[in-house]
C-alpha atoms as a PDB file:
ATOM      1  CA  MET A   1     -11.430 -24.563 -14.813  1.00  0.00           C
ATOM      2  CA  TYR A   2     -12.059 -21.227 -13.147  1.00  0.00           C
ATOM      3  CA  ASP A   3     -15.538 -19.882 -12.524  1.00  0.00           C
ATOM      4  CA  ASP A   4     -16.516 -16.890 -14.618  1.00  0.00           C
ATOM      5  CA  VAL A   5     -15.942 -13.706 -12.655  1.00  0.00           C
ATOM      6  CA  SER A   6     -19.567 -12.657 -13.131  1.00  0.00           C
ATOM      7  CA  HIS A   7     -20.740 -15.777 -11.265  1.00  0.00           C
ATOM      8  CA  LEU A   8     -18.372 -15.033  -8.390  1.00  0.00           C
ATOM      9  CA  ARG A   9     -19.509 -11.413  -8.242  1.00  0.00           C
ATOM     10  CA  ASP A  10     -23.170 -12.448  -8.199  1.00  0.00           C
ATOM     11  CA  PHE A  11     -22.587 -15.028  -5.473  1.00  0.00           C
ATOM     12  CA  TYR A  12     -20.973 -12.496  -3.135  1.00  0.00           C
ATOM     13  CA  ALA A  13     -23.813 -10.077  -3.815  1.00  0.00           C
ATOM     14  CA  SER A  14     -26.339 -12.688  -2.631  1.00  0.00           C
ATOM     15  CA  PRO A  15     -27.368 -13.186   1.038  1.00  0.00           C
ATOM     16  CA  LEU A  16     -25.592 -16.568   1.177  1.00  0.00           C
ATOM     17  CA  GLY A  17     -22.417 -15.090  -0.302  1.00  0.00           C
ATOM     18  CA  GLN A  18     -22.470 -12.184   2.130  1.00  0.00           C
ATOM     19  CA  LEU A  19     -22.873 -14.608   5.015  1.00  0.00           C
ATOM     20  CA  ALA A  20     -19.921 -16.716   3.813  1.00  0.00           C
ATOM     21  CA  ARG A  21     -17.780 -13.591   3.399  1.00  0.00           C
ATOM     22  CA  ARG A  22     -18.554 -12.349   6.920  1.00  0.00           C
ATOM     23  CA  ILE A  23     -17.656 -15.700   8.487  1.00  0.00           C
ATOM     24  CA  ILE A  24     -14.444 -16.100   6.510  1.00  0.00           C
ATOM     25  CA  ASP A  25     -13.527 -12.431   7.030  1.00  0.00           C
ATOM     26  CA  HIS A  26     -13.712 -12.917  10.796  1.00  0.00           C
ATOM     27  CA  ARG A  27     -11.417 -15.952  10.656  1.00  0.00           C
ATOM     28  CA  LEU A  28      -8.923 -14.199   8.358  1.00  0.00           C
ATOM     29  CA  ARG A  29      -8.673 -11.201  10.651  1.00  0.00           C
ATOM     30  CA  ALA A  30      -8.058 -13.528  13.587  1.00  0.00           C
ATOM     31  CA  ARG A  31      -5.012 -14.881  11.754  1.00  0.00           C
ATOM     32  CA  TRP A  32      -3.737 -11.585  10.346  1.00  0.00           C
ATOM     33  CA  ASP A  33      -4.709  -9.301  13.208  1.00  0.00           C
ATOM     34  CA  ASP A  34      -2.009  -6.690  12.527  1.00  0.00           C
ATOM     35  CA  VAL A  35      -1.124  -5.864   8.934  1.00  0.00           C
ATOM     36  CA  SER A  36      -0.243  -2.220   9.441  1.00  0.00           C
ATOM     37  CA  GLY A  37       2.338  -1.099   6.883  1.00  0.00           C
ATOM     38  CA  LEU A  38       2.359  -4.441   5.053  1.00  0.00           C
ATOM     39  CA  ASP A  39       1.710  -5.222   1.392  1.00  0.00           C
ATOM     40  CA  ILE A  40      -1.060  -7.771   0.727  1.00  0.00           C
ATOM     41  CA  VAL A  41      -1.843  -9.326  -2.647  1.00  0.00           C
ATOM     42  CA  GLY A  42      -4.967 -11.363  -3.298  1.00  0.00           C
ATOM     43  CA  LEU A  43      -5.001 -14.123  -5.920  1.00  0.00           C
ATOM     44  CA  GLY A  44      -7.973 -15.887  -7.488  1.00  0.00           C
ATOM     45  CA  TYR A  45     -11.080 -13.972  -6.446  1.00  0.00           C
ATOM     46  CA  ALA A  46      -9.926 -12.499  -3.146  1.00  0.00           C
ATOM     47  CA  ALA A  47     -11.339  -8.989  -3.700  1.00  0.00           C
ATOM     48  CA  PRO A  48     -14.313  -9.393  -1.301  1.00  0.00           C
ATOM     49  CA  TYR A  49     -11.879 -10.299   1.492  1.00  0.00           C
ATOM     50  CA  LEU A  50      -9.211  -7.675   0.836  1.00  0.00           C
ATOM     51  CA  ARG A  51     -11.552  -4.934   2.011  1.00  0.00           C
ATOM     52  CA  ALA A  52     -11.006  -6.051   5.609  1.00  0.00           C
ATOM     53  CA  PHE A  53      -7.306  -5.157   5.295  1.00  0.00           C
ATOM     54  CA  SER A  54      -7.393  -2.145   2.978  1.00  0.00           C
ATOM     55  CA  ALA A  55      -7.581   0.550   5.643  1.00  0.00           C
ATOM     56  CA  GLU A  56      -4.652  -0.905   7.593  1.00  0.00           C
ATOM     57  CA  ALA A  57      -2.265  -2.412   5.037  1.00  0.00           C
ATOM     58  CA  ARG A  58       0.204  -0.256   3.126  1.00  0.00           C
ATOM     59  CA  THR A  59      -0.879  -1.725  -0.223  1.00  0.00           C
ATOM     60  CA  THR A  60      -3.603  -4.142  -1.281  1.00  0.00           C
ATOM     61  CA  ALA A  61      -4.043  -5.461  -4.812  1.00  0.00           C
ATOM     62  CA  ALA A  62      -6.349  -8.059  -6.394  1.00  0.00           C
ATOM     63  CA  LEU A  63      -4.669 -10.133  -9.115  1.00  0.00           C
ATOM     64  CA  MET A  64      -7.238 -12.192 -11.000  1.00  0.00           C
ATOM     65  CA  PRO A  65      -6.469 -15.052 -13.419  1.00  0.00           C
ATOM     66  CA  TYR A  66      -7.097 -14.291 -17.066  1.00  0.00           C
ATOM     67  CA  ARG A  67      -9.111 -17.514 -17.433  1.00  0.00           C
ATOM     68  CA  GLN A  68     -11.540 -16.178 -14.816  1.00  0.00           C
ATOM     69  CA  GLY A  69     -11.747 -12.528 -15.807  1.00  0.00           C
ATOM     70  CA  ALA A  70     -11.560  -9.424 -13.650  1.00  0.00           C
ATOM     71  CA  VAL A  71     -13.925  -6.897 -12.152  1.00  0.00           C
ATOM     72  CA  GLN A  72     -13.128  -3.378 -11.108  1.00  0.00           C
ATOM     73  CA  TRP A  73     -11.748  -3.281  -7.578  1.00  0.00           C
ATOM     74  CA  PRO A  74     -12.202  -1.370  -5.438  1.00  0.00           C
ATOM     75  CA  SER A  75     -15.458   0.198  -6.559  1.00  0.00           C
ATOM     76  CA  GLU A  76     -14.182   3.617  -5.472  1.00  0.00           C
ATOM     77  CA  GLY A  77     -10.737   5.170  -5.570  1.00  0.00           C
ATOM     78  CA  PRO A  78      -7.665   4.032  -7.539  1.00  0.00           C
ATOM     79  CA  PHE A  79      -8.096   0.842  -9.541  1.00  0.00           C
ATOM     80  CA  ARG A  80      -6.015  -1.947  -7.904  1.00  0.00           C
ATOM     81  CA  ALA A  81      -6.935  -5.060  -9.877  1.00  0.00           C
ATOM     82  CA  ALA A  82      -5.302  -6.754 -12.857  1.00  0.00           C
ATOM     83  CA  LEU A  83      -5.451  -9.870 -15.014  1.00  0.00           C
ATOM     84  CA  VAL A  84      -2.465 -12.170 -14.536  1.00  0.00           C
ATOM     85  CA  SER A  85      -1.109 -15.581 -15.408  1.00  0.00           C
ATOM     86  CA  ASP A  86      -1.199 -18.238 -12.688  1.00  0.00           C
ATOM     87  CA  THR A  87       2.527 -18.882 -12.847  1.00  0.00           C
ATOM     88  CA  GLU A  88       3.953 -15.529 -14.006  1.00  0.00           C
ATOM     89  CA  LEU A  89       3.042 -12.798 -11.540  1.00  0.00           C
ATOM     90  CA  PRO A  90       4.087  -9.248 -12.547  1.00  0.00           C
ATOM     91  CA  MET A  91       6.053  -8.602  -9.361  1.00  0.00           C
ATOM     92  CA  ARG A  92       9.676  -8.629  -8.308  1.00  0.00           C
ATOM     93  CA  ASP A  93      11.229 -11.368  -6.169  1.00  0.00           C
ATOM     94  CA  LYS A  94      10.663 -10.907  -2.419  1.00  0.00           C
ATOM     95  CA  SER A  95       8.375  -7.905  -2.849  1.00  0.00           C
ATOM     96  CA  VAL A  96       5.204  -8.873  -0.926  1.00  0.00           C
ATOM     97  CA  ASP A  97       4.561  -9.440   2.775  1.00  0.00           C
ATOM     98  CA  CYS A  98       1.342 -11.472   2.543  1.00  0.00           C
ATOM     99  CA  VAL A  99      -0.555 -13.367  -0.149  1.00  0.00           C
ATOM    100  CA  LEU A 100      -4.202 -14.346   0.223  1.00  0.00           C
ATOM    101  CA  VAL A 101      -5.569 -17.008  -2.163  1.00  0.00           C
ATOM    102  CA  VAL A 102      -9.341 -17.464  -2.460  1.00  0.00           C
ATOM    103  CA  HIS A 103     -10.993 -19.462  -5.265  1.00  0.00           C
ATOM    104  CA  GLY A 104      -7.555 -20.130  -6.656  1.00  0.00           C
ATOM    105  CA  LEU A 105      -5.833 -23.351  -5.639  1.00  0.00           C
ATOM    106  CA  GLU A 106      -8.811 -25.576  -6.447  1.00  0.00           C
ATOM    107  CA  HIS A 107      -8.821 -24.363 -10.072  1.00  0.00           C
ATOM    108  CA  VAL A 108      -5.164 -24.462 -11.101  1.00  0.00           C
ATOM    109  CA  ASP A 109      -3.618 -27.416 -12.916  1.00  0.00           C
ATOM    110  CA  ALA A 110       0.065 -26.678 -12.218  1.00  0.00           C
ATOM    111  CA  ARG A 111      -0.334 -26.489  -8.452  1.00  0.00           C
ATOM    112  CA  HIS A 112       3.371 -26.780  -7.637  1.00  0.00           C
ATOM    113  CA  ASP A 113       4.333 -24.049 -10.095  1.00  0.00           C
ATOM    114  CA  TYR A 114       1.498 -21.899  -8.769  1.00  0.00           C
ATOM    115  CA  LEU A 115       2.702 -22.135  -5.172  1.00  0.00           C
ATOM    116  CA  ARG A 116       6.350 -21.700  -6.163  1.00  0.00           C
ATOM    117  CA  GLU A 117       5.485 -18.473  -7.958  1.00  0.00           C
ATOM    118  CA  ILE A 118       3.821 -17.244  -4.767  1.00  0.00           C
ATOM    119  CA  TRP A 119       6.950 -18.312  -2.872  1.00  0.00           C
ATOM    120  CA  ARG A 120       9.086 -16.272  -5.284  1.00  0.00           C
ATOM    121  CA  VAL A 121       7.271 -12.972  -4.710  1.00  0.00           C
ATOM    122  CA  LEU A 122       6.955 -13.371  -0.936  1.00  0.00           C
ATOM    123  CA  MET A 123       9.571 -11.842   1.343  1.00  0.00           C
ATOM    124  CA  PRO A 124      11.547 -14.101   3.687  1.00  0.00           C
ATOM    125  CA  GLN A 125       9.139 -15.244   6.414  1.00  0.00           C
ATOM    126  CA  GLY A 126       6.270 -13.912   4.285  1.00  0.00           C
ATOM    127  CA  ARG A 127       2.819 -15.262   5.058  1.00  0.00           C
ATOM    128  CA  LEU A 128       0.419 -17.143   2.792  1.00  0.00           C
ATOM    129  CA  ILE A 129      -3.219 -18.008   3.444  1.00  0.00           C
ATOM    130  CA  LEU A 130      -5.067 -20.505   1.268  1.00  0.00           C
ATOM    131  CA  VAL A 131      -8.863 -20.542   1.485  1.00  0.00           C
ATOM    132  CA  ALA A 132      -9.962 -23.801  -0.135  1.00  0.00           C
ATOM    133  CA  PRO A 133     -13.047 -26.049  -0.102  1.00  0.00           C
ATOM    134  CA  ASN A 134     -12.803 -29.021   2.231  1.00  0.00           C
ATOM    135  CA  ARG A 135     -13.345 -32.332   0.429  1.00  0.00           C
ATOM    136  CA  ARG A 136     -15.350 -33.648   3.406  1.00  0.00           C
ATOM    137  CA  GLY A 137     -17.531 -30.561   3.749  1.00  0.00           C
ATOM    138  CA  ALA A 138     -21.021 -29.943   2.409  1.00  0.00           C
ATOM    139  CA  TRP A 139     -20.040 -26.784   0.506  1.00  0.00           C
ATOM    140  CA  ALA A 140     -17.873 -28.794  -1.904  1.00  0.00           C
ATOM    141  CA  ARG A 141     -20.967 -30.779  -2.916  1.00  0.00           C
ATOM    142  CA  PHE A 142     -23.195 -27.850  -3.882  1.00  0.00           C
ATOM    143  CA  GLU A 143     -22.447 -26.343  -7.290  1.00  0.00           C
ATOM    144  CA  SER A 144     -24.693 -23.395  -6.439  1.00  0.00           C
ATOM    145  CA  THR A 145     -21.703 -21.845  -4.625  1.00  0.00           C
ATOM    146  CA  PRO A 146     -18.147 -21.214  -5.922  1.00  0.00           C
ATOM    147  CA  PHE A 147     -16.792 -23.600  -3.288  1.00  0.00           C
ATOM    148  CA  GLY A 148     -18.570 -26.416  -5.124  1.00  0.00           C
ATOM    149  CA  HIS A 149     -16.438 -25.930  -8.238  1.00  0.00           C
ATOM    150  CA  GLY A 150     -12.906 -27.125  -8.838  1.00  0.00           C
ATOM    151  CA  ARG A 151     -10.973 -29.659  -6.792  1.00  0.00           C
ATOM    152  CA  PRO A 152     -11.629 -29.768  -3.025  1.00  0.00           C
ATOM    153  CA  TYR A 153      -8.821 -30.704  -0.649  1.00  0.00           C
ATOM    154  CA  SER A 154      -8.195 -32.390   2.650  1.00  0.00           C
ATOM    155  CA  LEU A 155      -5.955 -30.657   5.159  1.00  0.00           C
ATOM    156  CA  ARG A 156      -3.225 -33.231   4.642  1.00  0.00           C
ATOM    157  CA  GLN A 157      -3.265 -32.666   0.887  1.00  0.00           C
ATOM    158  CA  ILE A 158      -2.874 -28.913   1.308  1.00  0.00           C
ATOM    159  CA  GLU A 159      -0.058 -29.329   3.823  1.00  0.00           C
ATOM    160  CA  ASP A 160       1.779 -31.713   1.491  1.00  0.00           C
ATOM    161  CA  LEU A 161       1.456 -29.239  -1.390  1.00  0.00           C
ATOM    162  CA  LEU A 162       2.751 -26.412   0.791  1.00  0.00           C
ATOM    163  CA  ARG A 163       5.769 -28.318   2.083  1.00  0.00           C
ATOM    164  CA  ASP A 164       6.629 -29.476  -1.417  1.00  0.00           C
ATOM    165  CA  ALA A 165       6.676 -25.812  -2.490  1.00  0.00           C
ATOM    166  CA  LEU A 166       8.927 -24.808   0.464  1.00  0.00           C
ATOM    167  CA  PHE A 167       6.235 -23.464   2.777  1.00  0.00           C
ATOM    168  CA  GLU A 168       5.782 -24.480   6.398  1.00  0.00           C
ATOM    169  CA  PRO A 169       2.117 -24.832   7.480  1.00  0.00           C
ATOM    170  CA  ALA A 170       1.478 -22.537  10.440  1.00  0.00           C
ATOM    171  CA  GLY A 171      -2.114 -23.333  11.324  1.00  0.00           C
ATOM    172  CA  VAL A 172      -5.583 -24.115  10.072  1.00  0.00           C
ATOM    173  CA  THR A 173      -8.987 -22.607  10.806  1.00  0.00           C
ATOM    174  CA  PRO A 174     -11.972 -24.684   9.661  1.00  0.00           C
ATOM    175  CA  CYS A 175     -15.154 -22.708   9.009  1.00  0.00           C
ATOM    176  CA  LEU A 176     -18.506 -22.662   7.169  1.00  0.00           C
ATOM    177  CA  PHE A 177     -20.223 -25.450   9.067  1.00  0.00           C
ATOM    178  CA  ALA A 178     -23.758 -24.348   8.243  1.00  0.00           C
ATOM    179  CA  PRO A 179     -25.151 -26.008   5.102  1.00  0.00           C
ATOM    180  CA  PRO A 180     -25.061 -23.780   2.000  1.00  0.00           C
ATOM    181  CA  LEU A 181     -28.821 -23.343   1.837  1.00  0.00           C
ATOM    182  CA  ARG A 182     -30.634 -20.173   0.844  1.00  0.00           C
ATOM    183  CA  ALA A 183     -32.878 -20.284   3.924  1.00  0.00           C
ATOM    184  CA  ARG A 184     -34.195 -17.287   5.826  1.00  0.00           C
ATOM    185  CA  TYR A 185     -33.119 -18.608   9.198  1.00  0.00           C
ATOM    186  CA  LEU A 186     -29.527 -19.355   8.179  1.00  0.00           C
ATOM    187  CA  PRO A 187     -27.963 -15.944   8.997  1.00  0.00           C
ATOM    188  CA  PHE A 188     -29.375 -16.119  12.515  1.00  0.00           C
ATOM    189  CA  ALA A 189     -28.251 -19.710  13.121  1.00  0.00           C
ATOM    190  CA  ALA A 190     -24.837 -19.425  11.446  1.00  0.00           C
ATOM    191  CA  SER A 191     -22.921 -18.376  14.561  1.00  0.00           C
ATOM    192  CA  GLY A 192     -24.287 -21.391  16.422  1.00  0.00           C
ATOM    193  CA  TRP A 193     -23.305 -23.707  13.570  1.00  0.00           C
ATOM    194  CA  GLU A 194     -19.778 -22.270  13.631  1.00  0.00           C
ATOM    195  CA  ARG A 195     -19.311 -22.755  17.395  1.00  0.00           C
ATOM    196  CA  VAL A 196     -20.766 -26.240  17.536  1.00  0.00           C
ATOM    197  CA  GLY A 197     -19.205 -27.444  14.296  1.00  0.00           C
ATOM    198  CA  ALA A 198     -15.691 -26.286  15.200  1.00  0.00           C
ATOM    199  CA  ARG A 199     -15.856 -28.251  18.451  1.00  0.00           C
ATOM    200  CA  LEU A 200     -17.743 -31.381  17.459  1.00  0.00           C
ATOM    201  CA  TRP A 201     -16.959 -32.038  13.797  1.00  0.00           C
ATOM    202  CA  PRO A 202     -14.067 -29.820  12.579  1.00  0.00           C
ATOM    203  CA  ALA A 203     -13.193 -32.367   9.874  1.00  0.00           C
ATOM    204  CA  PHE A 204     -16.477 -31.544   8.102  1.00  0.00           C
ATOM    205  CA  ALA A 205     -16.008 -27.802   7.730  1.00  0.00           C
ATOM    206  CA  GLY A 206     -17.047 -26.389   4.377  1.00  0.00           C
ATOM    207  CA  VAL A 207     -13.845 -24.396   3.970  1.00  0.00           C
ATOM    208  CA  LEU A 208     -10.278 -24.718   5.251  1.00  0.00           C
ATOM    209  CA  ILE A 209      -8.268 -21.575   5.947  1.00  0.00           C
ATOM    210  CA  VAL A 210      -4.647 -22.727   5.939  1.00  0.00           C
ATOM    211  CA  GLU A 211      -1.814 -20.354   6.830  1.00  0.00           C
ATOM    212  CA  ALA A 212       1.819 -21.016   5.919  1.00  0.00           C
ATOM    213  CA  VAL A 213       5.150 -19.228   6.171  1.00  0.00           C
ATOM    214  CA  LYS A 214       7.798 -19.068   3.459  1.00  0.00           C
ATOM    215  CA  MET A 215      10.753 -21.262   4.348  1.00  0.00           C
ATOM    216  CA  ALA A 216      13.495 -18.743   3.601  1.00  0.00           C
ATOM    217  CA  TYR A 217      16.250 -21.016   4.939  1.00  0.00           C
ATOM    218  CA  ALA A 218      15.383 -23.481   2.175  1.00  0.00           C
ATOM    219  CA  GLU A 219      15.816 -20.890  -0.549  1.00  0.00           C
ATOM    220  CA  VAL A 220      17.309 -22.221  -3.752  1.00  0.00           C
ATOM    221  CA  ARG A 221      18.350 -20.549  -6.952  1.00  0.00           C
ATOM    222  CA  VAL A 222      15.233 -19.878  -9.018  1.00  0.00           C
ATOM    223  CA  SER A 223      15.275 -18.959 -12.686  1.00  0.00           C
ATOM    224  CA  VAL A 224      12.995 -15.922 -12.781  1.00  0.00           C
ATOM    225  CA  LYS A 225      10.729 -15.878 -15.787  1.00  0.00           C
ATOM    226  CA  LYS A 226      10.129 -12.687 -17.680  1.00  0.00           C
ATOM    227  CA  PRO A 227       6.764 -11.301 -16.535  1.00  0.00           C
ATOM    228  CA  ALA A 228       4.017 -11.685 -19.086  1.00  0.00           C
ATOM    229  CA  PHE A 229       2.444  -8.414 -18.018  1.00  0.00           C
ATOM    230  CA  GLY A 230       3.661  -4.882 -17.515  1.00  0.00           C
ATOM    231  CA  ALA A 231       4.105  -3.242 -14.140  1.00  0.00           C
ATOM    232  CA  ILE A 232       0.967  -2.583 -12.119  1.00  0.00           C
ATOM    233  CA  PRO A 233       0.970   1.033 -10.892  1.00  0.00           C
ATOM    234  CA  ALA A 234      -0.486   0.062  -7.512  1.00  0.00           C
ATOM    235  CA  LEU A 235       2.437  -2.309  -6.938  1.00  0.00           C
ATOM    236  CA  ASN A 236       5.262  -0.018  -7.990  1.00  0.00           C
ATOM    237  CA  GLY A 237       5.970   0.873  -4.368  1.00  0.00           C
ATOM    238  CA  LEU A 238       6.614  -2.678  -3.245  1.00  0.00           C
ATOM    239  CA  SER A 239      10.082  -2.917  -1.830  1.00  0.00           C
ATOM    240  CA  PRO A 240      12.301  -6.006  -2.018  1.00  0.00           C
ATOM    241  CA  ALA A 241      13.649  -5.192   1.441  1.00  0.00           C
ATOM    242  CA  ARG A 242      11.955  -6.129   4.695  1.00  0.00           C
ATOM    243  CA  ARG A 243      10.434  -2.980   6.134  1.00  0.00           C
ATOM    244  CA  HIS A 244       9.791  -4.353   9.610  1.00  0.00           C
ATOM    245  CA  PRO A 245      12.957  -6.140  10.774  1.00  0.00           C
ATOM    246  CA  ASP A 246      11.843  -5.971  14.397  1.00  0.00           C
ATOM    247  CA  ARG A 247       8.520  -7.692  13.754  1.00  0.00           C
ATOM    248  CA  LYS A 248       8.789 -11.342  14.711  1.00  0.00           C
ATOM    249  CA  PRO A 249       6.554 -13.771  12.873  1.00  0.00           C
ATOM    250  CA  ARG A 250       4.420 -16.043  14.922  1.00  0.00           C
ATOM    251  CA  SER A 251       5.587 -19.568  15.556  1.00  0.00           C
ATOM    252  CA  PRO A 252       4.952 -21.820  12.561  1.00  0.00           C
ATOM    253  CA  GLY A 253       3.846 -24.646  14.807  1.00  0.00           C
ATOM    254  CA  LEU A 254       0.580 -26.101  13.557  1.00  0.00           C
ATOM    255  CA  HIS A 255      -2.472 -25.202  15.561  1.00  0.00           C
ATOM    256  CA  VAL A 256      -6.204 -25.106  15.013  1.00  0.00           C
ATOM    257  CA  GLU A 257      -8.133 -21.978  15.959  1.00  0.00           C
ATOM    258  CA  LEU A 258     -11.634 -22.396  17.342  1.00  0.00           C
ATOM    259  CA  PRO A 259     -14.100 -19.517  17.602  1.00  0.00           C
ATOM    260  CA  ALA A 260     -14.771 -18.080  21.028  1.00  0.00           C
ATOM    261  CA  ASP A 261     -18.092 -18.706  22.713  1.00  0.00           C
END
């Protein structure tokens, strides 16, 4: 079951939520360091993390599950958020460059259908990032944070789900090694926790950031369902054609990124 959107909003307004967002933001930007001219869609509750890409990407949109609820996003300017079904996204086939999932995978029941719907809307060689709680990490054990709700995953479980949905895992970044405590010292010690944890005990990260690429060569005929929602104005400009044919995706070989000293 999804968290209520008001709980998610309140968490990211708290000092602990802001700290988690800053750490995860930094790791996301390290993976998607150049999104100029690309279309990025966030699923689940990805709105706090889309801000890092908004100024650079061609289009950003936050699609929130109807069982969770939606908040206005962004707070200023055109409204680019909508309620959607997990397995019927209101977008054309091959219309999105990148999909970012936060507080999503751990709450869905039909995980294969969920990932296959993401596969459908992604362009060939499109990129997907899943931000999910690590089953071995401390954050999955504290219900005071959103990462303590839903089903946590191991890296192997996520990779198996991705491959079964015709994605190729391209790398993982473990993060959130500091315990999820509302302590005054935590913001000052967090960078040290991240450096030490990534080197000494990466298997116990609180969150796994897993990137994958759509396996276009494995494309099969898919029966496209009729969208349950009308067109979203912010997404009307999404093109089914690749706009950057000269941009080569990075190698999908699995690697783990560690933060710099």
